[in-house]
Amino acid sequence: MSSKFVSLAIAMALSGASAQAQTDPCGDVQEQIEVIPLGRAIQLAVEADLRPELANAEVRAARTERAIAALRPADTVSLEIEDFPGSGLASEIDNLQVTASFSRVWERGGKREAREALARRGVEVAGTRLAAAEFEIREEVETLYAEAALAEGRLALACDQIALSRELEVVIQRRVEAARDPLLAGARATSDRLRAEAEARRHAAQAENLRAALGAYWLAKDDFRIDPDFLEARVEPRAFDIADLSSPELDRLAKEQLRSAALIELERAQAITDITWNVGLRKFGLEEDAAVIAGASIPLGTGGRSEATVARARADQLRIEVERETLRQELIRRAAGYQRAALSALEQIEEIDTVLLPAANEAVALARDGYARGAFSYLDIISAQNAVDDLREERLTHLRTYVLNKAALARLSPAAHRPAPTSETPE
C-alpha cells in the first residue's frame, strides 16, 4: 500500500537533524527559494524513483519473450554410426553403416501465430505495471504535498495568532500600567503570546519535516517551498462520472483477460499435432553403396492433454473476469465515498466562509470595541478570538478532507494513470 512509503518517508525526515524549525517560524519567506508545484514534484519523483525502471525492465523482458515466440522450432542435424567392427564374425569393417540426417518440425494449427499473440499480450500486461508504478508514486507525492501545504496553512494561522497576541499584550500592558486592568490580565496576555509562539514553532517543524519527506523522493539538495496557492486553487467543484472510473489494476486485469484468451487459443492450437520429418543419407561399409532415407513422426495422445489445458485456461479467464468485476464494484463504492466526503467538506467550507466566520469576526470587533470602552474584559476578547481561531482551524480540517478526497477521486479517472513520456520504454 502506498501509505507505507509515505509513512516511511515521514519517519526518515523526522529522524534527521535538519528537521528543527527555524528560530522565528513567522519570519519572512526567502523569495530566492524555489517554489515547486505539485506537477513538478510528481515529475521529479517519477524520474528519481526506481520503480518505473523496474517496470521498464519487465517490459523489456516481455519484449524479449515476444521475439523468442516468433521463432520456429530449431532444425536438427544428426549423425549415427552403427555396426562398428567387433570380434569374431563382427570383425568385418564392411558391416559399418554411417547415417547423416536432417530433421524439421512442421508446426500445424497456427501454433507460431498463437505464441506470438500470447507474447504480445504479455508485453501489454507488463506495460500496465509501468502505469501502476507511476500511479503509486503520484499518490504518495500528492498526499505528502497536500499534508505539507496543510501544515504551512496551520503555521500561517499560528503566525496570525502570534501577531494578535502581541498586539493585545501591548494594549493590555498599557492598561495594567494605568491601573485599568489587574496584573493577572497582563500575565494572561503574556502567557497567551508565549503559547502562540510555541504552537507556531511546532507547526513550522511539522511543515519542514513534511517538505523534507517530500524532497526525499528526488533527493532534493536545496530547500524549496510549497505552492502557497495549492490549497485554495483546489476548492472548486468538479463533476466526476463514476461510469468512467479506471485504475492501473483494472487495466492490468483487462490485459490479463486478453492474455488468457490468447492462451486459450494457443492451447487449442496445441491440440493439432505437429509432424516431424527427416531426410538423410546412409553409407554402407567401405564400398560406394549408399541410400537415401526419409521418415516422419507424429505424436499420439495430445488431444486429451490439450482439452485439459484449455479447460484450465478457461477457468483462469473466468477467475480474472470475476476479479475485475469485483474490483470495479469496490472502486465504484470507493469513488462514491470520495465524492460524498469531498462534497460534504465543500459545503462545510462554504458555510464557514459565508456565515460562521463573518459572524465570529464581528463578535471579535464588538468585544474589542467594548473592551476599549471598559464594557468587556480581556477574557471576552480572548473568548471571541478563540471562536474565530477554532473556525479557521476547522476550515483547514475540512479543506484537508476535500483536497485529499478530491485527489483520490481524480486518480480514478482514465487520464490519471497514463505513463509519463519520460518513462516510455524504447523498443
Protein backbone atom coordinates (compact mmCIF):
# COMPACT_ATOMS: atom_id res chain seq x y z
CA MET A 1 0.00 0.00 0.00
CA SER A 2 1.34 3.44 -0.87
CA SER A 3 0.71 4.79 2.66
CA LYS A 4 3.59 2.58 3.78
CA PHE A 5 6.01 4.54 1.66
CA VAL A 6 4.57 7.87 2.79
CA SER A 7 4.93 6.88 6.45
CA LEU A 8 8.48 5.70 5.85
CA ALA A 9 9.42 8.95 4.13
CA ILE A 10 7.95 10.99 7.00
CA ALA A 11 9.77 8.86 9.57
CA MET A 12 13.09 9.33 7.75
CA ALA A 13 12.58 13.06 7.61
CA LEU A 14 11.64 13.26 11.28
CA SER A 15 14.82 11.43 12.28
CA GLY A 16 17.09 13.98 10.58
CA ALA A 17 18.75 16.78 12.48
CA SER A 18 17.70 19.22 9.79
CA ALA A 19 14.07 18.86 10.84
CA GLN A 20 14.42 21.54 13.52
CA ALA A 21 12.26 24.60 12.98
CA GLN A 22 13.86 27.96 12.47
CA THR A 23 14.13 30.37 15.40
CA ASP A 24 11.46 32.69 14.03
CA PRO A 25 8.91 30.47 12.30
CA CYS A 26 6.94 33.51 11.19
CA GLY A 27 9.88 35.29 9.58
CA ASP A 28 9.72 36.50 6.01
CA VAL A 29 9.91 33.73 3.43
CA GLN A 30 13.05 33.92 1.34
CA GLU A 31 11.95 34.74 -2.19
CA GLN A 32 15.02 33.06 -3.71
CA ILE A 33 13.84 29.64 -2.50
CA GLU A 34 12.26 27.82 -5.42
CA VAL A 35 8.54 27.10 -5.42
CA ILE A 36 7.92 23.57 -6.68
CA PRO A 37 4.33 23.00 -7.86
CA LEU A 38 2.68 19.62 -7.45
CA GLY A 39 3.10 18.65 -11.10
CA ARG A 40 6.83 19.37 -10.97
CA ALA A 41 7.17 17.41 -7.71
CA ILE A 42 5.49 14.39 -9.29
CA GLN A 43 7.74 14.62 -12.35
CA LEU A 44 10.91 14.83 -10.23
CA ALA A 45 9.79 11.88 -8.11
CA VAL A 46 9.00 9.71 -11.13
CA GLU A 47 12.37 10.50 -12.69
CA ALA A 48 14.28 9.66 -9.50
CA ASP A 49 12.30 6.63 -8.31
CA LEU A 50 13.48 3.18 -9.42
CA ARG A 51 10.03 1.60 -9.50
CA PRO A 52 9.34 2.77 -13.09
CA GLU A 53 12.77 1.47 -14.11
CA LEU A 54 11.90 -1.91 -12.62
CA ALA A 55 8.65 -1.91 -14.57
CA ASN A 56 10.57 -0.94 -17.71
CA ALA A 57 12.86 -3.91 -17.16
CA GLU A 58 9.82 -6.19 -17.04
CA VAL A 59 8.58 -4.67 -20.30
CA ARG A 60 11.94 -5.28 -21.95
CA ALA A 61 11.92 -8.87 -20.72
CA ALA A 62 8.40 -9.36 -22.11
CA ARG A 63 9.51 -7.99 -25.48
CA THR A 64 12.36 -10.48 -25.48
CA GLU A 65 9.84 -13.25 -24.89
CA ARG A 66 7.83 -11.93 -27.83
CA ALA A 67 10.90 -12.17 -30.06
CA ILE A 68 11.54 -15.73 -28.88
CA ALA A 69 7.91 -16.70 -29.52
CA ALA A 70 8.27 -15.71 -33.17
CA LEU A 71 10.98 -18.33 -33.72
CA ARG A 72 10.05 -21.70 -35.16
CA PRO A 73 11.38 -24.93 -33.60
CA ALA A 74 15.06 -25.48 -34.29
CA ASP A 75 16.11 -27.84 -37.05
CA THR A 76 18.13 -30.93 -36.14
CA VAL A 77 21.17 -32.48 -37.84
CA SER A 78 22.16 -35.91 -36.62
CA LEU A 79 24.97 -38.37 -37.36
CA GLU A 80 24.65 -42.07 -36.46
CA ILE A 81 27.29 -44.80 -36.78
CA GLU A 82 26.22 -48.43 -36.50
CA ASP A 83 27.87 -51.88 -36.66
CA PHE A 84 31.34 -50.92 -35.53
CA PRO A 85 33.94 -53.67 -36.18
CA GLY A 86 33.98 -56.06 -33.28
CA SER A 87 35.43 -59.53 -32.78
CA GLY A 88 34.72 -62.81 -34.46
CA LEU A 89 32.00 -62.63 -37.08
CA ALA A 90 31.57 -58.90 -36.38
CA SER A 91 35.18 -58.06 -37.22
CA GLU A 92 34.43 -57.17 -40.85
CA ILE A 93 34.58 -53.40 -41.41
CA ASP A 94 32.27 -53.79 -44.39
CA ASN A 95 29.40 -54.03 -41.90
CA LEU A 96 29.91 -50.37 -40.80
CA GLN A 97 26.94 -48.06 -41.51
CA VAL A 98 27.04 -44.24 -41.30
CA THR A 99 23.81 -42.25 -41.42
CA ALA A 100 23.52 -38.46 -41.64
CA SER A 101 20.05 -36.91 -41.47
CA PHE A 102 18.28 -33.54 -41.28
CA SER A 103 15.02 -33.09 -39.30
CA ARG A 104 12.48 -30.26 -39.23
CA VAL A 105 9.24 -29.84 -37.29
CA TRP A 106 6.21 -28.82 -39.32
CA GLU A 107 4.10 -26.78 -36.93
CA ARG A 108 0.41 -27.08 -37.69
CA GLY A 109 -2.70 -25.33 -36.42
CA GLY A 110 -1.19 -21.82 -36.23
CA LYS A 111 0.93 -22.50 -33.14
CA ARG A 112 3.53 -19.93 -34.04
CA GLU A 113 0.96 -17.18 -34.57
CA ALA A 114 -0.75 -18.15 -31.31
CA ARG A 115 2.57 -17.99 -29.44
CA GLU A 116 3.26 -14.54 -30.86
CA ALA A 117 -0.22 -13.32 -29.91
CA LEU A 118 0.25 -14.61 -26.35
CA ALA A 119 3.66 -12.92 -26.10
CA ARG A 120 2.20 -9.62 -27.35
CA ARG A 121 -0.43 -9.79 -24.64
CA GLY A 122 2.37 -10.43 -22.16
CA VAL A 123 4.05 -7.19 -23.25
CA GLU A 124 0.77 -5.33 -22.71
CA VAL A 125 0.42 -6.80 -19.22
CA ALA A 126 3.98 -5.76 -18.38
CA GLY A 127 3.19 -2.26 -19.66
CA THR A 128 0.42 -1.87 -17.10
CA ARG A 129 2.99 -2.33 -14.33
CA LEU A 130 4.72 0.84 -15.52
CA ALA A 131 1.47 2.79 -15.21
CA ALA A 132 0.90 1.23 -11.78
CA ALA A 133 4.37 2.24 -10.57
CA GLU A 134 3.87 5.84 -11.64
CA PHE A 135 0.37 5.79 -10.14
CA GLU A 136 1.81 4.75 -6.76
CA ILE A 137 4.44 7.48 -6.87
CA ARG A 138 1.85 10.09 -7.79
CA GLU A 139 -0.43 9.01 -4.94
CA GLU A 140 2.39 9.18 -2.39
CA VAL A 141 3.74 12.53 -3.59
CA GLU A 142 0.28 14.07 -3.89
CA THR A 143 -0.60 13.05 -0.34
CA LEU A 144 2.68 14.37 1.08
CA TYR A 145 2.35 17.61 -0.88
CA ALA A 146 -1.17 18.18 0.43
CA GLU A 147 -0.11 17.43 4.01
CA ALA A 148 2.84 19.82 3.70
CA ALA A 149 0.56 22.55 2.31
CA LEU A 150 -1.87 21.99 5.18
CA ALA A 151 0.96 22.17 7.72
CA GLU A 152 2.02 25.50 6.26
CA GLY A 153 -1.60 26.63 6.40
CA ARG A 154 -1.67 25.82 10.11
CA LEU A 155 1.62 27.67 10.53
CA ALA A 156 0.05 30.73 8.88
CA LEU A 157 -2.86 30.56 11.36
CA ALA A 158 -0.41 30.28 14.25
CA CYS A 159 1.51 33.30 12.98
CA ASP A 160 -1.72 35.31 12.82
CA GLN A 161 -2.39 34.33 16.43
CA ILE A 162 1.11 35.48 17.41
CA ALA A 163 0.55 38.86 15.76
CA LEU A 164 -2.79 39.29 17.50
CA SER A 165 -1.49 38.16 20.89
CA ARG A 166 1.46 40.58 20.67
CA GLU A 167 -0.86 43.43 19.76
CA LEU A 168 -3.18 42.60 22.65
CA GLU A 169 -0.25 42.20 25.01
CA VAL A 170 0.94 45.72 24.27
CA VAL A 171 -2.54 47.18 24.75
CA ILE A 172 -3.16 45.28 27.98
CA GLN A 173 0.25 46.15 29.45
CA ARG A 174 -0.59 49.82 28.94
CA ARG A 175 -3.91 49.34 30.70
CA VAL A 176 -2.19 47.45 33.55
CA GLU A 177 0.38 50.26 33.95
CA ALA A 178 -2.52 52.71 34.02
CA ALA A 179 -4.20 50.54 36.69
CA ARG A 180 -7.17 50.00 34.40
CA ASP A 181 -6.62 46.21 34.35
CA PRO A 182 -5.29 43.85 37.02
CA LEU A 183 -1.80 42.31 36.84
CA LEU A 184 -3.41 38.96 36.09
CA ALA A 185 -4.64 40.28 32.74
CA GLY A 186 -1.08 41.21 31.75
CA ALA A 187 0.26 37.81 32.84
CA ARG A 188 -2.52 36.10 30.91
CA ALA A 189 -1.70 38.09 27.77
CA THR A 190 1.98 37.19 28.05
CA SER A 191 1.10 33.53 28.57
CA ASP A 192 -1.16 33.54 25.50
CA ARG A 193 1.61 35.09 23.41
CA LEU A 194 4.18 32.50 24.55
CA ARG A 195 1.76 29.66 23.85
CA ALA A 196 1.05 31.02 20.36
CA GLU A 197 4.79 31.22 19.64
CA ALA A 198 5.33 27.64 20.81
CA GLU A 199 2.44 26.47 18.65
CA ALA A 200 3.92 28.25 15.64
CA ARG A 201 7.29 26.58 16.20
CA ARG A 202 5.58 23.19 16.36
CA HIS A 203 3.73 23.77 13.09
CA ALA A 204 6.92 25.10 11.46
CA ALA A 205 8.75 21.91 12.44
CA GLN A 206 5.93 19.77 11.04
CA ALA A 207 5.94 21.70 7.77
CA GLU A 208 9.72 21.39 7.47
CA ASN A 209 9.58 17.66 8.20
CA LEU A 210 6.93 17.13 5.54
CA ARG A 211 8.91 19.13 2.98
CA ALA A 212 11.98 17.03 3.78
CA ALA A 213 9.95 13.84 3.36
CA LEU A 214 8.66 15.12 0.04
CA GLY A 215 12.10 16.19 -1.16
CA ALA A 216 13.47 12.75 -0.29
CA TYR A 217 11.59 11.37 -3.29
CA TRP A 218 14.02 13.14 -5.64
CA LEU A 219 16.88 13.59 -3.14
CA ALA A 220 16.43 17.36 -3.08
CA LYS A 221 19.70 19.07 -2.22
CA ASP A 222 18.22 22.52 -1.58
CA ASP A 223 15.20 23.70 0.34
CA PHE A 224 12.08 24.50 -1.61
CA ARG A 225 8.66 25.96 -0.99
CA ILE A 226 5.21 24.52 -1.43
CA ASP A 227 2.93 26.39 -3.81
CA PRO A 228 1.18 28.88 -1.48
CA ASP A 229 -1.97 28.79 -3.63
CA PHE A 230 -2.13 24.99 -3.77
CA LEU A 231 -4.98 24.52 -1.29
CA GLU A 232 -7.28 27.35 -2.30
CA ALA A 233 -6.82 26.61 -6.01
CA ARG A 234 -8.40 23.21 -5.44
CA VAL A 235 -11.55 24.48 -3.77
CA GLU A 236 -13.66 24.14 -6.88
CA PRO A 237 -16.31 21.51 -7.53
CA ARG A 238 -15.73 19.24 -10.49
CA ALA A 239 -18.13 16.68 -11.89
CA PHE A 240 -16.96 13.08 -11.97
CA ASP A 241 -18.72 10.34 -13.87
CA ILE A 242 -18.39 7.10 -11.92
CA ALA A 243 -19.02 5.16 -15.13
CA ASP A 244 -15.67 6.47 -16.40
CA LEU A 245 -13.62 5.33 -13.44
CA SER A 246 -10.42 3.46 -14.08
CA SER A 247 -7.24 2.37 -12.33
CA PRO A 248 -3.96 0.65 -13.23
CA GLU A 249 -5.18 -2.51 -11.52
CA LEU A 250 -8.34 -2.55 -13.64
CA ASP A 251 -6.21 -2.06 -16.75
CA ARG A 252 -3.92 -4.88 -15.69
CA LEU A 253 -6.83 -7.26 -15.22
CA ALA A 254 -8.26 -6.25 -18.60
CA LYS A 255 -4.92 -7.06 -20.23
CA GLU A 256 -4.76 -10.29 -18.23
CA GLN A 257 -8.15 -11.24 -19.69
CA LEU A 258 -6.84 -10.72 -23.21
CA ARG A 259 -3.73 -12.68 -22.37
CA SER A 260 -5.85 -15.51 -21.00
CA ALA A 261 -7.89 -15.55 -24.23
CA ALA A 262 -4.64 -15.76 -26.22
CA LEU A 263 -3.51 -18.64 -24.01
CA ILE A 264 -6.75 -20.50 -24.77
CA GLU A 265 -6.11 -20.08 -28.50
CA LEU A 266 -2.59 -21.41 -28.07
CA GLU A 267 -3.80 -24.43 -26.13
CA ARG A 268 -6.35 -25.15 -28.84
CA ALA A 269 -3.59 -24.95 -31.44
CA GLN A 270 -1.56 -27.40 -29.38
CA ALA A 271 -4.30 -30.00 -29.93
CA ILE A 272 -3.28 -30.21 -33.60
CA THR A 273 -0.24 -32.46 -33.73
CA ASP A 274 2.96 -31.40 -35.41
CA ILE A 275 4.77 -33.54 -37.93
CA THR A 276 8.49 -34.03 -37.67
CA TRP A 277 10.01 -35.10 -40.98
CA ASN A 278 13.56 -36.05 -41.69
CA VAL A 279 15.69 -36.89 -44.70
CA GLY A 280 19.21 -38.25 -44.85
CA LEU A 281 21.88 -40.39 -46.43
CA ARG A 282 23.12 -43.80 -45.28
CA LYS A 283 26.57 -45.19 -46.29
CA PHE A 284 27.23 -48.95 -46.15
CA GLY A 285 30.76 -50.23 -45.41
CA LEU A 286 33.79 -49.24 -47.49
CA GLU A 287 32.08 -49.67 -50.80
CA GLU A 288 30.27 -46.92 -52.61
CA ASP A 289 26.91 -48.34 -51.60
CA ALA A 290 24.62 -45.63 -50.24
CA ALA A 291 20.93 -44.99 -49.81
CA VAL A 292 18.63 -42.06 -49.21
CA ILE A 293 16.41 -42.33 -46.13
CA ALA A 294 13.32 -40.35 -45.16
CA GLY A 295 10.72 -40.52 -42.46
CA ALA A 296 8.13 -38.70 -40.40
CA SER A 297 6.83 -38.89 -36.83
CA ILE A 298 3.54 -37.80 -35.30
CA PRO A 299 3.00 -37.71 -31.51
CA LEU A 300 -0.06 -39.53 -30.17
CA GLY A 301 -2.39 -38.77 -27.29
CA THR A 302 -2.12 -34.97 -27.43
CA GLY A 303 -5.87 -34.37 -27.74
CA GLY A 304 -6.78 -35.28 -24.15
CA ARG A 305 -3.93 -33.24 -22.69
CA SER A 306 -4.91 -30.21 -24.79
CA GLU A 307 -8.54 -30.38 -23.64
CA ALA A 308 -7.38 -30.36 -20.03
CA THR A 309 -5.11 -27.35 -20.53
CA VAL A 310 -7.84 -25.47 -22.41
CA ALA A 311 -10.23 -26.11 -19.52
CA ARG A 312 -7.65 -24.82 -17.06
CA ALA A 313 -7.07 -21.67 -19.16
CA ARG A 314 -10.84 -21.04 -19.36
CA ALA A 315 -11.16 -21.39 -15.60
CA ASP A 316 -8.33 -18.88 -15.12
CA GLN A 317 -10.01 -16.50 -17.57
CA LEU A 318 -13.24 -16.69 -15.61
CA ARG A 319 -11.35 -16.04 -12.37
CA ILE A 320 -9.76 -12.91 -13.85
CA GLU A 321 -13.14 -11.69 -15.12
CA VAL A 322 -14.75 -12.11 -11.69
CA GLU A 323 -11.76 -10.45 -10.01
CA ARG A 324 -12.01 -7.48 -12.38
CA GLU A 325 -15.72 -7.02 -11.78
CA THR A 326 -15.18 -7.32 -8.04
CA LEU A 327 -12.51 -4.63 -8.18
CA ARG A 328 -14.78 -2.42 -10.30
CA GLN A 329 -17.54 -2.71 -7.69
CA GLU A 330 -15.07 -1.81 -4.96
CA LEU A 331 -13.80 1.20 -6.90
CA ILE A 332 -17.37 2.39 -7.51
CA ARG A 333 -18.07 2.25 -3.78
CA ARG A 334 -14.76 3.96 -3.05
CA ALA A 335 -15.40 6.69 -5.63
CA ALA A 336 -18.87 7.31 -4.22
CA GLY A 337 -17.33 7.66 -0.76
CA TYR A 338 -14.73 10.11 -2.03
CA GLN A 339 -17.45 12.12 -3.74
CA ARG A 340 -19.65 12.28 -0.65
CA ALA A 341 -16.75 13.24 1.62
CA ALA A 342 -15.50 15.94 -0.78
CA LEU A 343 -18.94 17.47 -1.30
CA SER A 344 -19.68 17.44 2.42
CA ALA A 345 -16.37 19.11 3.20
CA LEU A 346 -17.00 21.72 0.48
CA GLU A 347 -20.41 22.54 1.98
CA GLN A 348 -18.81 22.98 5.39
CA ILE A 349 -16.13 25.27 3.94
CA GLU A 350 -18.75 27.41 2.19
CA GLU A 351 -20.80 27.69 5.38
CA ILE A 352 -17.75 28.75 7.38
CA ASP A 353 -16.72 31.30 4.76
CA THR A 354 -20.15 32.82 4.19
CA VAL A 355 -21.89 32.55 7.58
CA LEU A 356 -19.81 31.46 10.54
CA LEU A 357 -16.55 33.35 10.07
CA PRO A 358 -18.17 36.73 9.29
CA ALA A 359 -20.32 36.40 12.43
CA ALA A 360 -17.31 35.38 14.55
CA ASN A 361 -15.19 38.25 13.22
CA GLU A 362 -17.99 40.67 14.00
CA ALA A 363 -18.11 39.32 17.56
CA VAL A 364 -14.35 39.94 17.91
CA ALA A 365 -14.77 43.51 16.67
CA LEU A 366 -17.60 44.13 19.16
CA ALA A 367 -15.58 42.60 22.00
CA ARG A 368 -12.54 44.77 21.25
CA ASP A 369 -14.68 47.87 20.97
CA GLY A 370 -16.39 47.05 24.25
CA TYR A 371 -13.03 46.36 25.89
CA ALA A 372 -11.75 49.76 24.76
CA ARG A 373 -14.82 51.36 26.39
CA GLY A 374 -14.39 49.30 29.54
CA ALA A 375 -17.55 47.30 28.99
CA PHE A 376 -15.81 43.94 28.48
CA SER A 377 -12.81 42.20 29.97
CA TYR A 378 -9.74 40.81 28.27
CA LEU A 379 -11.22 37.31 28.61
CA ASP A 380 -14.17 38.38 26.48
CA ILE A 381 -11.79 39.30 23.66
CA ILE A 382 -9.92 36.02 24.02
CA SER A 383 -13.15 34.02 24.01
CA ALA A 384 -14.36 35.75 20.83
CA GLN A 385 -10.97 35.36 19.16
CA ASN A 386 -10.78 31.68 20.11
CA ALA A 387 -14.05 31.13 18.31
CA VAL A 388 -12.52 32.64 15.16
CA ASP A 389 -9.37 30.54 15.52
CA ASP A 390 -11.41 27.39 16.02
CA LEU A 391 -13.41 28.12 12.87
CA ARG A 392 -10.25 28.74 10.83
CA GLU A 393 -8.73 25.50 12.13
CA GLU A 394 -11.97 23.67 11.38
CA ARG A 395 -11.90 25.12 7.87
CA LEU A 396 -8.39 23.75 7.38
CA THR A 397 -9.57 20.34 8.55
CA HIS A 398 -12.44 20.37 6.05
CA LEU A 399 -10.04 21.65 3.40
CA ARG A 400 -7.76 18.69 4.06
CA THR A 401 -10.70 16.31 3.71
CA TYR A 402 -11.78 17.98 0.48
CA VAL A 403 -8.32 18.09 -1.13
CA LEU A 404 -7.35 14.51 -0.29
CA ASN A 405 -10.70 13.03 -1.32
CA LYS A 406 -10.82 15.07 -4.50
CA ALA A 407 -7.28 13.96 -5.37
CA ALA A 408 -8.17 10.32 -4.68
CA LEU A 409 -11.23 10.69 -6.90
CA ALA A 410 -9.22 12.31 -9.69
CA ARG A 411 -6.77 9.41 -9.60
CA LEU A 412 -9.64 7.12 -10.62
CA SER A 413 -10.07 8.94 -13.92
CA PRO A 414 -8.69 7.24 -17.05
CA ALA A 415 -6.14 10.00 -17.72
CA ALA A 416 -4.68 9.86 -14.20
CA HIS A 417 -2.54 6.77 -14.66
CA ARG A 418 -1.13 7.11 -18.14
CA PRO A 419 2.66 6.67 -18.15
CA ALA A 420 4.58 9.90 -18.38
CA PRO A 421 6.50 10.50 -21.62
CA THR A 422 9.79 10.46 -19.68
CA SER A 423 9.17 6.85 -18.64
CA GLU A 424 8.49 5.30 -22.03
CA THR A 425 10.46 2.17 -22.72
CA PRO A 426 12.25 2.07 -26.07
CA GLU A 427 11.64 -0.81 -28.38
